[in-house]
Amino acid sequence: MNWLDYYQKMKYEVDILEVRLKMIKQYEKNLADERSKIENTIDLHSELLRQIQMYLNTSDRIEFKLFKEIVMEGSCVTKAIEKVALEESKDISTVWKYYYPKVKKKITELQTFMIEVN
């Protein structure tokens, strides 16, 4: 192999490596952008969740207390209704009849939203 062939081969390899390096830098930039978007989304959602939780914790409405027990505390519906009825001095059948249907609708909407997001 003469010097000219060797030079051309090395030049070709350097060109390929420069292209690869450029691609890696672009990939790193894209990753940094994606990371920034994800971090911003996490911050935004965390703040919204904190506000919702604070609102639910301070609300006196029976529907919100029932929603909190079912969704946030993870209680089964029957136990949540019994607990809220006891706390609010309401009959269990009253909570089932008048308050649970409203909460069930909101929970269904939330589940539908979560399915669409994922």
N, C-alpha and C. Protein backbone atom coordinates (compact mmCIF):
# COMPACT_ATOMS: atom_id res chain seq x y z
N MET A 1 0.85 -1.16 0.00
CA MET A 1 0.00 0.00 0.00
C MET A 1 0.91 1.24 0.00
N ASN A 2 0.64 2.13 -0.91
CA ASN A 2 1.45 3.35 -0.96
C ASN A 2 0.85 4.44 -0.06
N TRP A 3 1.56 5.53 0.07
CA TRP A 3 1.15 6.61 0.98
C TRP A 3 -0.15 7.27 0.56
N LEU A 4 -0.37 7.39 -0.69
CA LEU A 4 -1.60 8.01 -1.19
C LEU A 4 -2.81 7.17 -0.83
N ASP A 5 -2.73 5.86 -1.02
CA ASP A 5 -3.83 4.97 -0.66
C ASP A 5 -4.08 5.02 0.86
N TYR A 6 -2.98 5.01 1.59
CA TYR A 6 -3.08 5.07 3.05
C TYR A 6 -3.74 6.38 3.49
N TYR A 7 -3.35 7.48 2.88
CA TYR A 7 -3.93 8.79 3.19
C TYR A 7 -5.43 8.80 2.89
N GLN A 8 -5.82 8.30 1.75
CA GLN A 8 -7.24 8.29 1.36
C GLN A 8 -8.07 7.42 2.30
N LYS A 9 -7.50 6.30 2.68
CA LYS A 9 -8.22 5.40 3.61
C LYS A 9 -8.40 6.08 4.96
N MET A 10 -7.35 6.71 5.46
CA MET A 10 -7.44 7.41 6.75
C MET A 10 -8.41 8.58 6.67
N LYS A 11 -8.39 9.31 5.58
CA LYS A 11 -9.31 10.45 5.38
C LYS A 11 -10.74 9.95 5.41
N TYR A 12 -11.01 8.86 4.73
CA TYR A 12 -12.35 8.27 4.70
C TYR A 12 -12.80 7.89 6.12
N GLU A 13 -11.92 7.24 6.88
CA GLU A 13 -12.24 6.85 8.26
C GLU A 13 -12.52 8.06 9.13
N VAL A 14 -11.72 9.11 8.98
CA VAL A 14 -11.92 10.34 9.76
C VAL A 14 -13.27 10.96 9.40
N ASP A 15 -13.59 10.99 8.13
CA ASP A 15 -14.89 11.54 7.70
C ASP A 15 -16.05 10.77 8.32
N ILE A 16 -15.96 9.45 8.30
CA ILE A 16 -17.01 8.61 8.89
C ILE A 16 -17.11 8.87 10.40
N LEU A 17 -15.97 8.95 11.06
CA LEU A 17 -15.98 9.20 12.50
C LEU A 17 -16.56 10.58 12.83
N GLU A 18 -16.28 11.57 12.01
CA GLU A 18 -16.85 12.90 12.23
C GLU A 18 -18.36 12.88 12.08
N VAL A 19 -18.85 12.15 11.10
CA VAL A 19 -20.30 12.03 10.90
C VAL A 19 -20.93 11.32 12.10
N ARG A 20 -20.30 10.25 12.55
CA ARG A 20 -20.81 9.52 13.73
C ARG A 20 -20.82 10.42 14.96
N LEU A 21 -19.76 11.19 15.15
CA LEU A 21 -19.69 12.10 16.29
C LEU A 21 -20.79 13.16 16.22
N LYS A 22 -21.04 13.66 15.04
CA LYS A 22 -22.11 14.65 14.85
C LYS A 22 -23.46 14.02 15.20
N MET A 23 -23.66 12.78 14.78
CA MET A 23 -24.92 12.08 15.10
C MET A 23 -25.06 11.88 16.60
N ILE A 24 -23.97 11.52 17.26
CA ILE A 24 -24.01 11.31 18.71
C ILE A 24 -24.35 12.61 19.42
N LYS A 25 -23.74 13.71 18.98
CA LYS A 25 -24.03 15.01 19.59
C LYS A 25 -25.49 15.39 19.41
N GLN A 26 -26.05 15.13 18.23
CA GLN A 26 -27.46 15.42 17.97
C GLN A 26 -28.35 14.55 18.85
N TYR A 27 -27.97 13.29 18.99
CA TYR A 27 -28.72 12.37 19.85
C TYR A 27 -28.70 12.85 21.30
N GLU A 28 -27.53 13.28 21.76
CA GLU A 28 -27.42 13.79 23.13
C GLU A 28 -28.29 15.03 23.32
N LYS A 29 -28.32 15.91 22.31
CA LYS A 29 -29.16 17.11 22.38
C LYS A 29 -30.64 16.71 22.46
N ASN A 30 -31.02 15.74 21.61
CA ASN A 30 -32.40 15.28 21.63
C ASN A 30 -32.76 14.67 22.99
N LEU A 31 -31.83 13.90 23.56
CA LEU A 31 -32.06 13.30 24.88
C LEU A 31 -32.21 14.38 25.94
N ALA A 32 -31.37 15.42 25.88
CA ALA A 32 -31.46 16.52 26.85
C ALA A 32 -32.79 17.24 26.72
N ASP A 33 -33.25 17.45 25.49
CA ASP A 33 -34.56 18.10 25.27
C ASP A 33 -35.68 17.23 25.84
N GLU A 34 -35.62 15.95 25.55
CA GLU A 34 -36.64 15.02 26.05
C GLU A 34 -36.63 14.98 27.57
N ARG A 35 -35.44 14.94 28.15
CA ARG A 35 -35.32 14.94 29.61
C ARG A 35 -35.93 16.20 30.20
N SER A 36 -35.66 17.33 29.59
CA SER A 36 -36.21 18.60 30.07
C SER A 36 -37.74 18.59 30.00
N LYS A 37 -38.29 18.09 28.91
CA LYS A 37 -39.75 18.01 28.76
C LYS A 37 -40.35 17.10 29.83
N ILE A 38 -39.72 15.97 30.06
CA ILE A 38 -40.22 15.02 31.06
C ILE A 38 -40.15 15.63 32.45
N GLU A 39 -39.04 16.29 32.77
CA GLU A 39 -38.92 16.92 34.08
C GLU A 39 -39.96 18.02 34.28
N ASN A 40 -40.20 18.81 33.23
CA ASN A 40 -41.23 19.86 33.31
C ASN A 40 -42.62 19.26 33.50
N THR A 41 -42.90 18.18 32.80
CA THR A 41 -44.20 17.51 32.93
C THR A 41 -44.37 16.95 34.34
N ILE A 42 -43.32 16.34 34.87
CA ILE A 42 -43.37 15.80 36.23
C ILE A 42 -43.62 16.92 37.23
N ASP A 43 -42.91 18.03 37.08
CA ASP A 43 -43.10 19.16 37.98
C ASP A 43 -44.52 19.70 37.91
N LEU A 44 -45.02 19.86 36.71
CA LEU A 44 -46.38 20.39 36.53
C LEU A 44 -47.42 19.45 37.12
N HIS A 45 -47.31 18.17 36.80
CA HIS A 45 -48.28 17.19 37.31
C HIS A 45 -48.19 17.04 38.83
N SER A 46 -46.98 17.09 39.36
CA SER A 46 -46.82 17.00 40.81
C SER A 46 -47.49 18.17 41.51
N GLU A 47 -47.32 19.35 40.94
CA GLU A 47 -47.96 20.53 41.53
C GLU A 47 -49.49 20.44 41.44
N LEU A 48 -49.99 19.99 40.30
CA LEU A 48 -51.43 19.82 40.15
C LEU A 48 -51.97 18.79 41.14
N LEU A 49 -51.25 17.67 41.28
CA LEU A 49 -51.67 16.64 42.24
C LEU A 49 -51.66 17.18 43.66
N ARG A 50 -50.65 17.97 43.99
CA ARG A 50 -50.58 18.56 45.33
C ARG A 50 -51.77 19.49 45.58
N GLN A 51 -52.11 20.30 44.58
CA GLN A 51 -53.24 21.21 44.72
C GLN A 51 -54.56 20.44 44.84
N ILE A 52 -54.72 19.40 44.04
CA ILE A 52 -55.94 18.59 44.11
C ILE A 52 -56.04 17.92 45.48
N GLN A 53 -54.93 17.36 45.93
CA GLN A 53 -54.93 16.69 47.23
C GLN A 53 -55.25 17.68 48.35
N MET A 54 -54.67 18.87 48.29
CA MET A 54 -54.95 19.88 49.30
C MET A 54 -56.43 20.26 49.27
N TYR A 55 -56.98 20.42 48.07
CA TYR A 55 -58.39 20.78 47.95
C TYR A 55 -59.29 19.68 48.49
N LEU A 56 -58.96 18.45 48.16
CA LEU A 56 -59.77 17.33 48.65
C LEU A 56 -59.65 17.19 50.17
N ASN A 57 -58.48 17.45 50.71
CA ASN A 57 -58.29 17.33 52.16
C ASN A 57 -59.02 18.41 52.94
N THR A 58 -59.22 19.57 52.32
CA THR A 58 -59.87 20.68 53.04
C THR A 58 -61.34 20.84 52.70
N SER A 59 -61.83 20.07 51.75
CA SER A 59 -63.22 20.20 51.33
C SER A 59 -64.16 19.52 52.33
N ASP A 60 -65.32 20.13 52.52
CA ASP A 60 -66.34 19.56 53.39
C ASP A 60 -67.43 18.82 52.61
N ARG A 61 -67.36 18.85 51.30
CA ARG A 61 -68.39 18.21 50.49
C ARG A 61 -68.25 16.69 50.58
N ILE A 62 -69.36 16.04 50.74
CA ILE A 62 -69.39 14.59 50.91
C ILE A 62 -68.84 13.89 49.66
N GLU A 63 -69.17 14.41 48.49
CA GLU A 63 -68.69 13.79 47.25
C GLU A 63 -67.16 13.77 47.22
N PHE A 64 -66.55 14.87 47.65
CA PHE A 64 -65.09 14.95 47.63
C PHE A 64 -64.47 14.01 48.65
N LYS A 65 -65.10 13.91 49.81
CA LYS A 65 -64.58 12.99 50.83
C LYS A 65 -64.67 11.55 50.33
N LEU A 66 -65.75 11.24 49.67
CA LEU A 66 -65.94 9.89 49.13
C LEU A 66 -64.93 9.63 48.01
N PHE A 67 -64.76 10.58 47.13
CA PHE A 67 -63.77 10.47 46.05
C PHE A 67 -62.37 10.26 46.62
N LYS A 68 -62.03 11.04 47.63
CA LYS A 68 -60.70 10.93 48.25
C LYS A 68 -60.50 9.54 48.85
N GLU A 69 -61.50 9.03 49.53
CA GLU A 69 -61.38 7.70 50.15
C GLU A 69 -61.18 6.61 49.11
N ILE A 70 -61.91 6.72 48.01
CA ILE A 70 -61.85 5.67 46.99
C ILE A 70 -60.57 5.79 46.14
N VAL A 71 -60.30 6.98 45.64
CA VAL A 71 -59.20 7.16 44.68
C VAL A 71 -57.86 7.33 45.39
N MET A 72 -57.80 8.23 46.34
CA MET A 72 -56.51 8.54 46.95
C MET A 72 -56.12 7.56 48.05
N GLU A 73 -57.08 7.14 48.84
CA GLU A 73 -56.77 6.22 49.94
C GLU A 73 -56.83 4.76 49.49
N GLY A 74 -57.49 4.50 48.37
CA GLY A 74 -57.56 3.14 47.84
C GLY A 74 -58.56 2.24 48.54
N SER A 75 -59.49 2.85 49.26
CA SER A 75 -60.50 2.05 49.96
C SER A 75 -61.49 1.46 48.95
N CYS A 76 -62.04 0.29 49.28
CA CYS A 76 -63.09 -0.25 48.42
C CYS A 76 -64.32 0.64 48.61
N VAL A 77 -65.20 0.60 47.64
CA VAL A 77 -66.34 1.51 47.62
C VAL A 77 -67.20 1.34 48.88
N THR A 78 -67.48 0.11 49.25
CA THR A 78 -68.34 -0.14 50.41
C THR A 78 -67.73 0.44 51.68
N LYS A 79 -66.46 0.19 51.90
CA LYS A 79 -65.78 0.70 53.10
C LYS A 79 -65.73 2.23 53.07
N ALA A 80 -65.47 2.80 51.91
CA ALA A 80 -65.41 4.25 51.79
C ALA A 80 -66.77 4.87 52.11
N ILE A 81 -67.82 4.28 51.60
CA ILE A 81 -69.16 4.80 51.86
C ILE A 81 -69.49 4.69 53.34
N GLU A 82 -69.17 3.57 53.95
CA GLU A 82 -69.43 3.40 55.38
C GLU A 82 -68.66 4.44 56.20
N LYS A 83 -67.42 4.66 55.85
CA LYS A 83 -66.59 5.62 56.60
C LYS A 83 -67.12 7.04 56.46
N VAL A 84 -67.42 7.45 55.24
CA VAL A 84 -67.92 8.80 54.99
C VAL A 84 -69.29 8.99 55.64
N ALA A 85 -70.15 7.98 55.55
CA ALA A 85 -71.47 8.08 56.17
C ALA A 85 -71.34 8.26 57.68
N LEU A 86 -70.43 7.53 58.28
CA LEU A 86 -70.20 7.66 59.71
C LEU A 86 -69.66 9.05 60.07
N GLU A 87 -68.68 9.52 59.31
CA GLU A 87 -68.10 10.84 59.56
C GLU A 87 -69.11 11.96 59.39
N GLU A 88 -70.01 11.81 58.44
CA GLU A 88 -70.97 12.87 58.11
C GLU A 88 -72.33 12.67 58.78
N SER A 89 -72.45 11.64 59.59
CA SER A 89 -73.71 11.32 60.27
C SER A 89 -74.86 11.17 59.27
N LYS A 90 -74.55 10.47 58.21
CA LYS A 90 -75.56 10.19 57.18
C LYS A 90 -75.82 8.70 57.17
N ASP A 91 -77.00 8.33 56.71
CA ASP A 91 -77.33 6.93 56.54
C ASP A 91 -76.54 6.39 55.34
N ILE A 92 -76.09 5.16 55.45
CA ILE A 92 -75.30 4.56 54.38
C ILE A 92 -76.08 4.53 53.07
N SER A 93 -77.35 4.23 53.15
CA SER A 93 -78.16 4.17 51.93
C SER A 93 -78.27 5.55 51.27
N THR A 94 -78.25 6.60 52.07
CA THR A 94 -78.30 7.97 51.52
C THR A 94 -77.02 8.26 50.73
N VAL A 95 -75.89 7.86 51.28
CA VAL A 95 -74.62 8.08 50.58
C VAL A 95 -74.59 7.26 49.29
N TRP A 96 -75.06 6.01 49.37
CA TRP A 96 -75.12 5.18 48.17
C TRP A 96 -76.02 5.82 47.12
N LYS A 97 -77.16 6.29 47.52
CA LYS A 97 -78.16 6.75 46.57
C LYS A 97 -77.85 8.13 45.99
N TYR A 98 -77.41 9.07 46.82
CA TYR A 98 -77.28 10.44 46.36
C TYR A 98 -75.85 10.89 46.05
N TYR A 99 -74.88 10.33 46.71
CA TYR A 99 -73.52 10.82 46.54
C TYR A 99 -72.64 9.90 45.69
N TYR A 100 -72.78 8.60 45.88
CA TYR A 100 -71.93 7.68 45.14
C TYR A 100 -72.11 7.77 43.62
N PRO A 101 -73.33 7.91 43.09
CA PRO A 101 -73.46 8.01 41.62
C PRO A 101 -72.64 9.17 41.02
N LYS A 102 -72.58 10.29 41.73
CA LYS A 102 -71.79 11.42 41.24
C LYS A 102 -70.30 11.08 41.25
N VAL A 103 -69.87 10.44 42.31
CA VAL A 103 -68.47 10.07 42.45
C VAL A 103 -68.11 8.98 41.43
N LYS A 104 -69.01 8.03 41.24
CA LYS A 104 -68.75 6.95 40.29
C LYS A 104 -68.56 7.52 38.88
N LYS A 105 -69.36 8.52 38.52
CA LYS A 105 -69.23 9.15 37.22
C LYS A 105 -67.85 9.79 37.08
N LYS A 106 -67.39 10.48 38.09
CA LYS A 106 -66.08 11.14 38.06
C LYS A 106 -64.94 10.12 38.01
N ILE A 107 -65.09 9.03 38.73
CA ILE A 107 -64.06 7.98 38.71
C ILE A 107 -63.99 7.35 37.33
N THR A 108 -65.14 7.11 36.71
CA THR A 108 -65.18 6.55 35.36
C THR A 108 -64.51 7.50 34.37
N GLU A 109 -64.79 8.80 34.51
CA GLU A 109 -64.16 9.80 33.63
C GLU A 109 -62.64 9.80 33.83
N LEU A 110 -62.22 9.69 35.07
CA LEU A 110 -60.79 9.66 35.38
C LEU A 110 -60.14 8.42 34.78
N GLN A 111 -60.78 7.26 34.90
CA GLN A 111 -60.25 6.03 34.33
C GLN A 111 -60.16 6.13 32.81
N THR A 112 -61.16 6.71 32.18
CA THR A 112 -61.17 6.90 30.72
C THR A 112 -60.02 7.82 30.32
N PHE A 113 -59.84 8.89 31.07
CA PHE A 113 -58.75 9.83 30.79
C PHE A 113 -57.40 9.13 30.90
N MET A 114 -57.23 8.32 31.92
CA MET A 114 -55.95 7.63 32.14
C MET A 114 -55.68 6.63 31.02
N ILE A 115 -56.71 5.98 30.53
CA ILE A 115 -56.53 5.04 29.42
C ILE A 115 -56.12 5.80 28.16
N GLU A 116 -56.73 6.97 27.92
CA GLU A 116 -56.40 7.75 26.74
C GLU A 116 -54.98 8.28 26.81
N VAL A 117 -54.54 8.68 27.99
CA VAL A 117 -53.19 9.22 28.16
C VAL A 117 -52.15 8.16 27.91
N ASN A 118 -52.41 6.96 28.39
CA ASN A 118 -51.44 5.86 28.23
C ASN A 118 -51.64 5.26 26.88
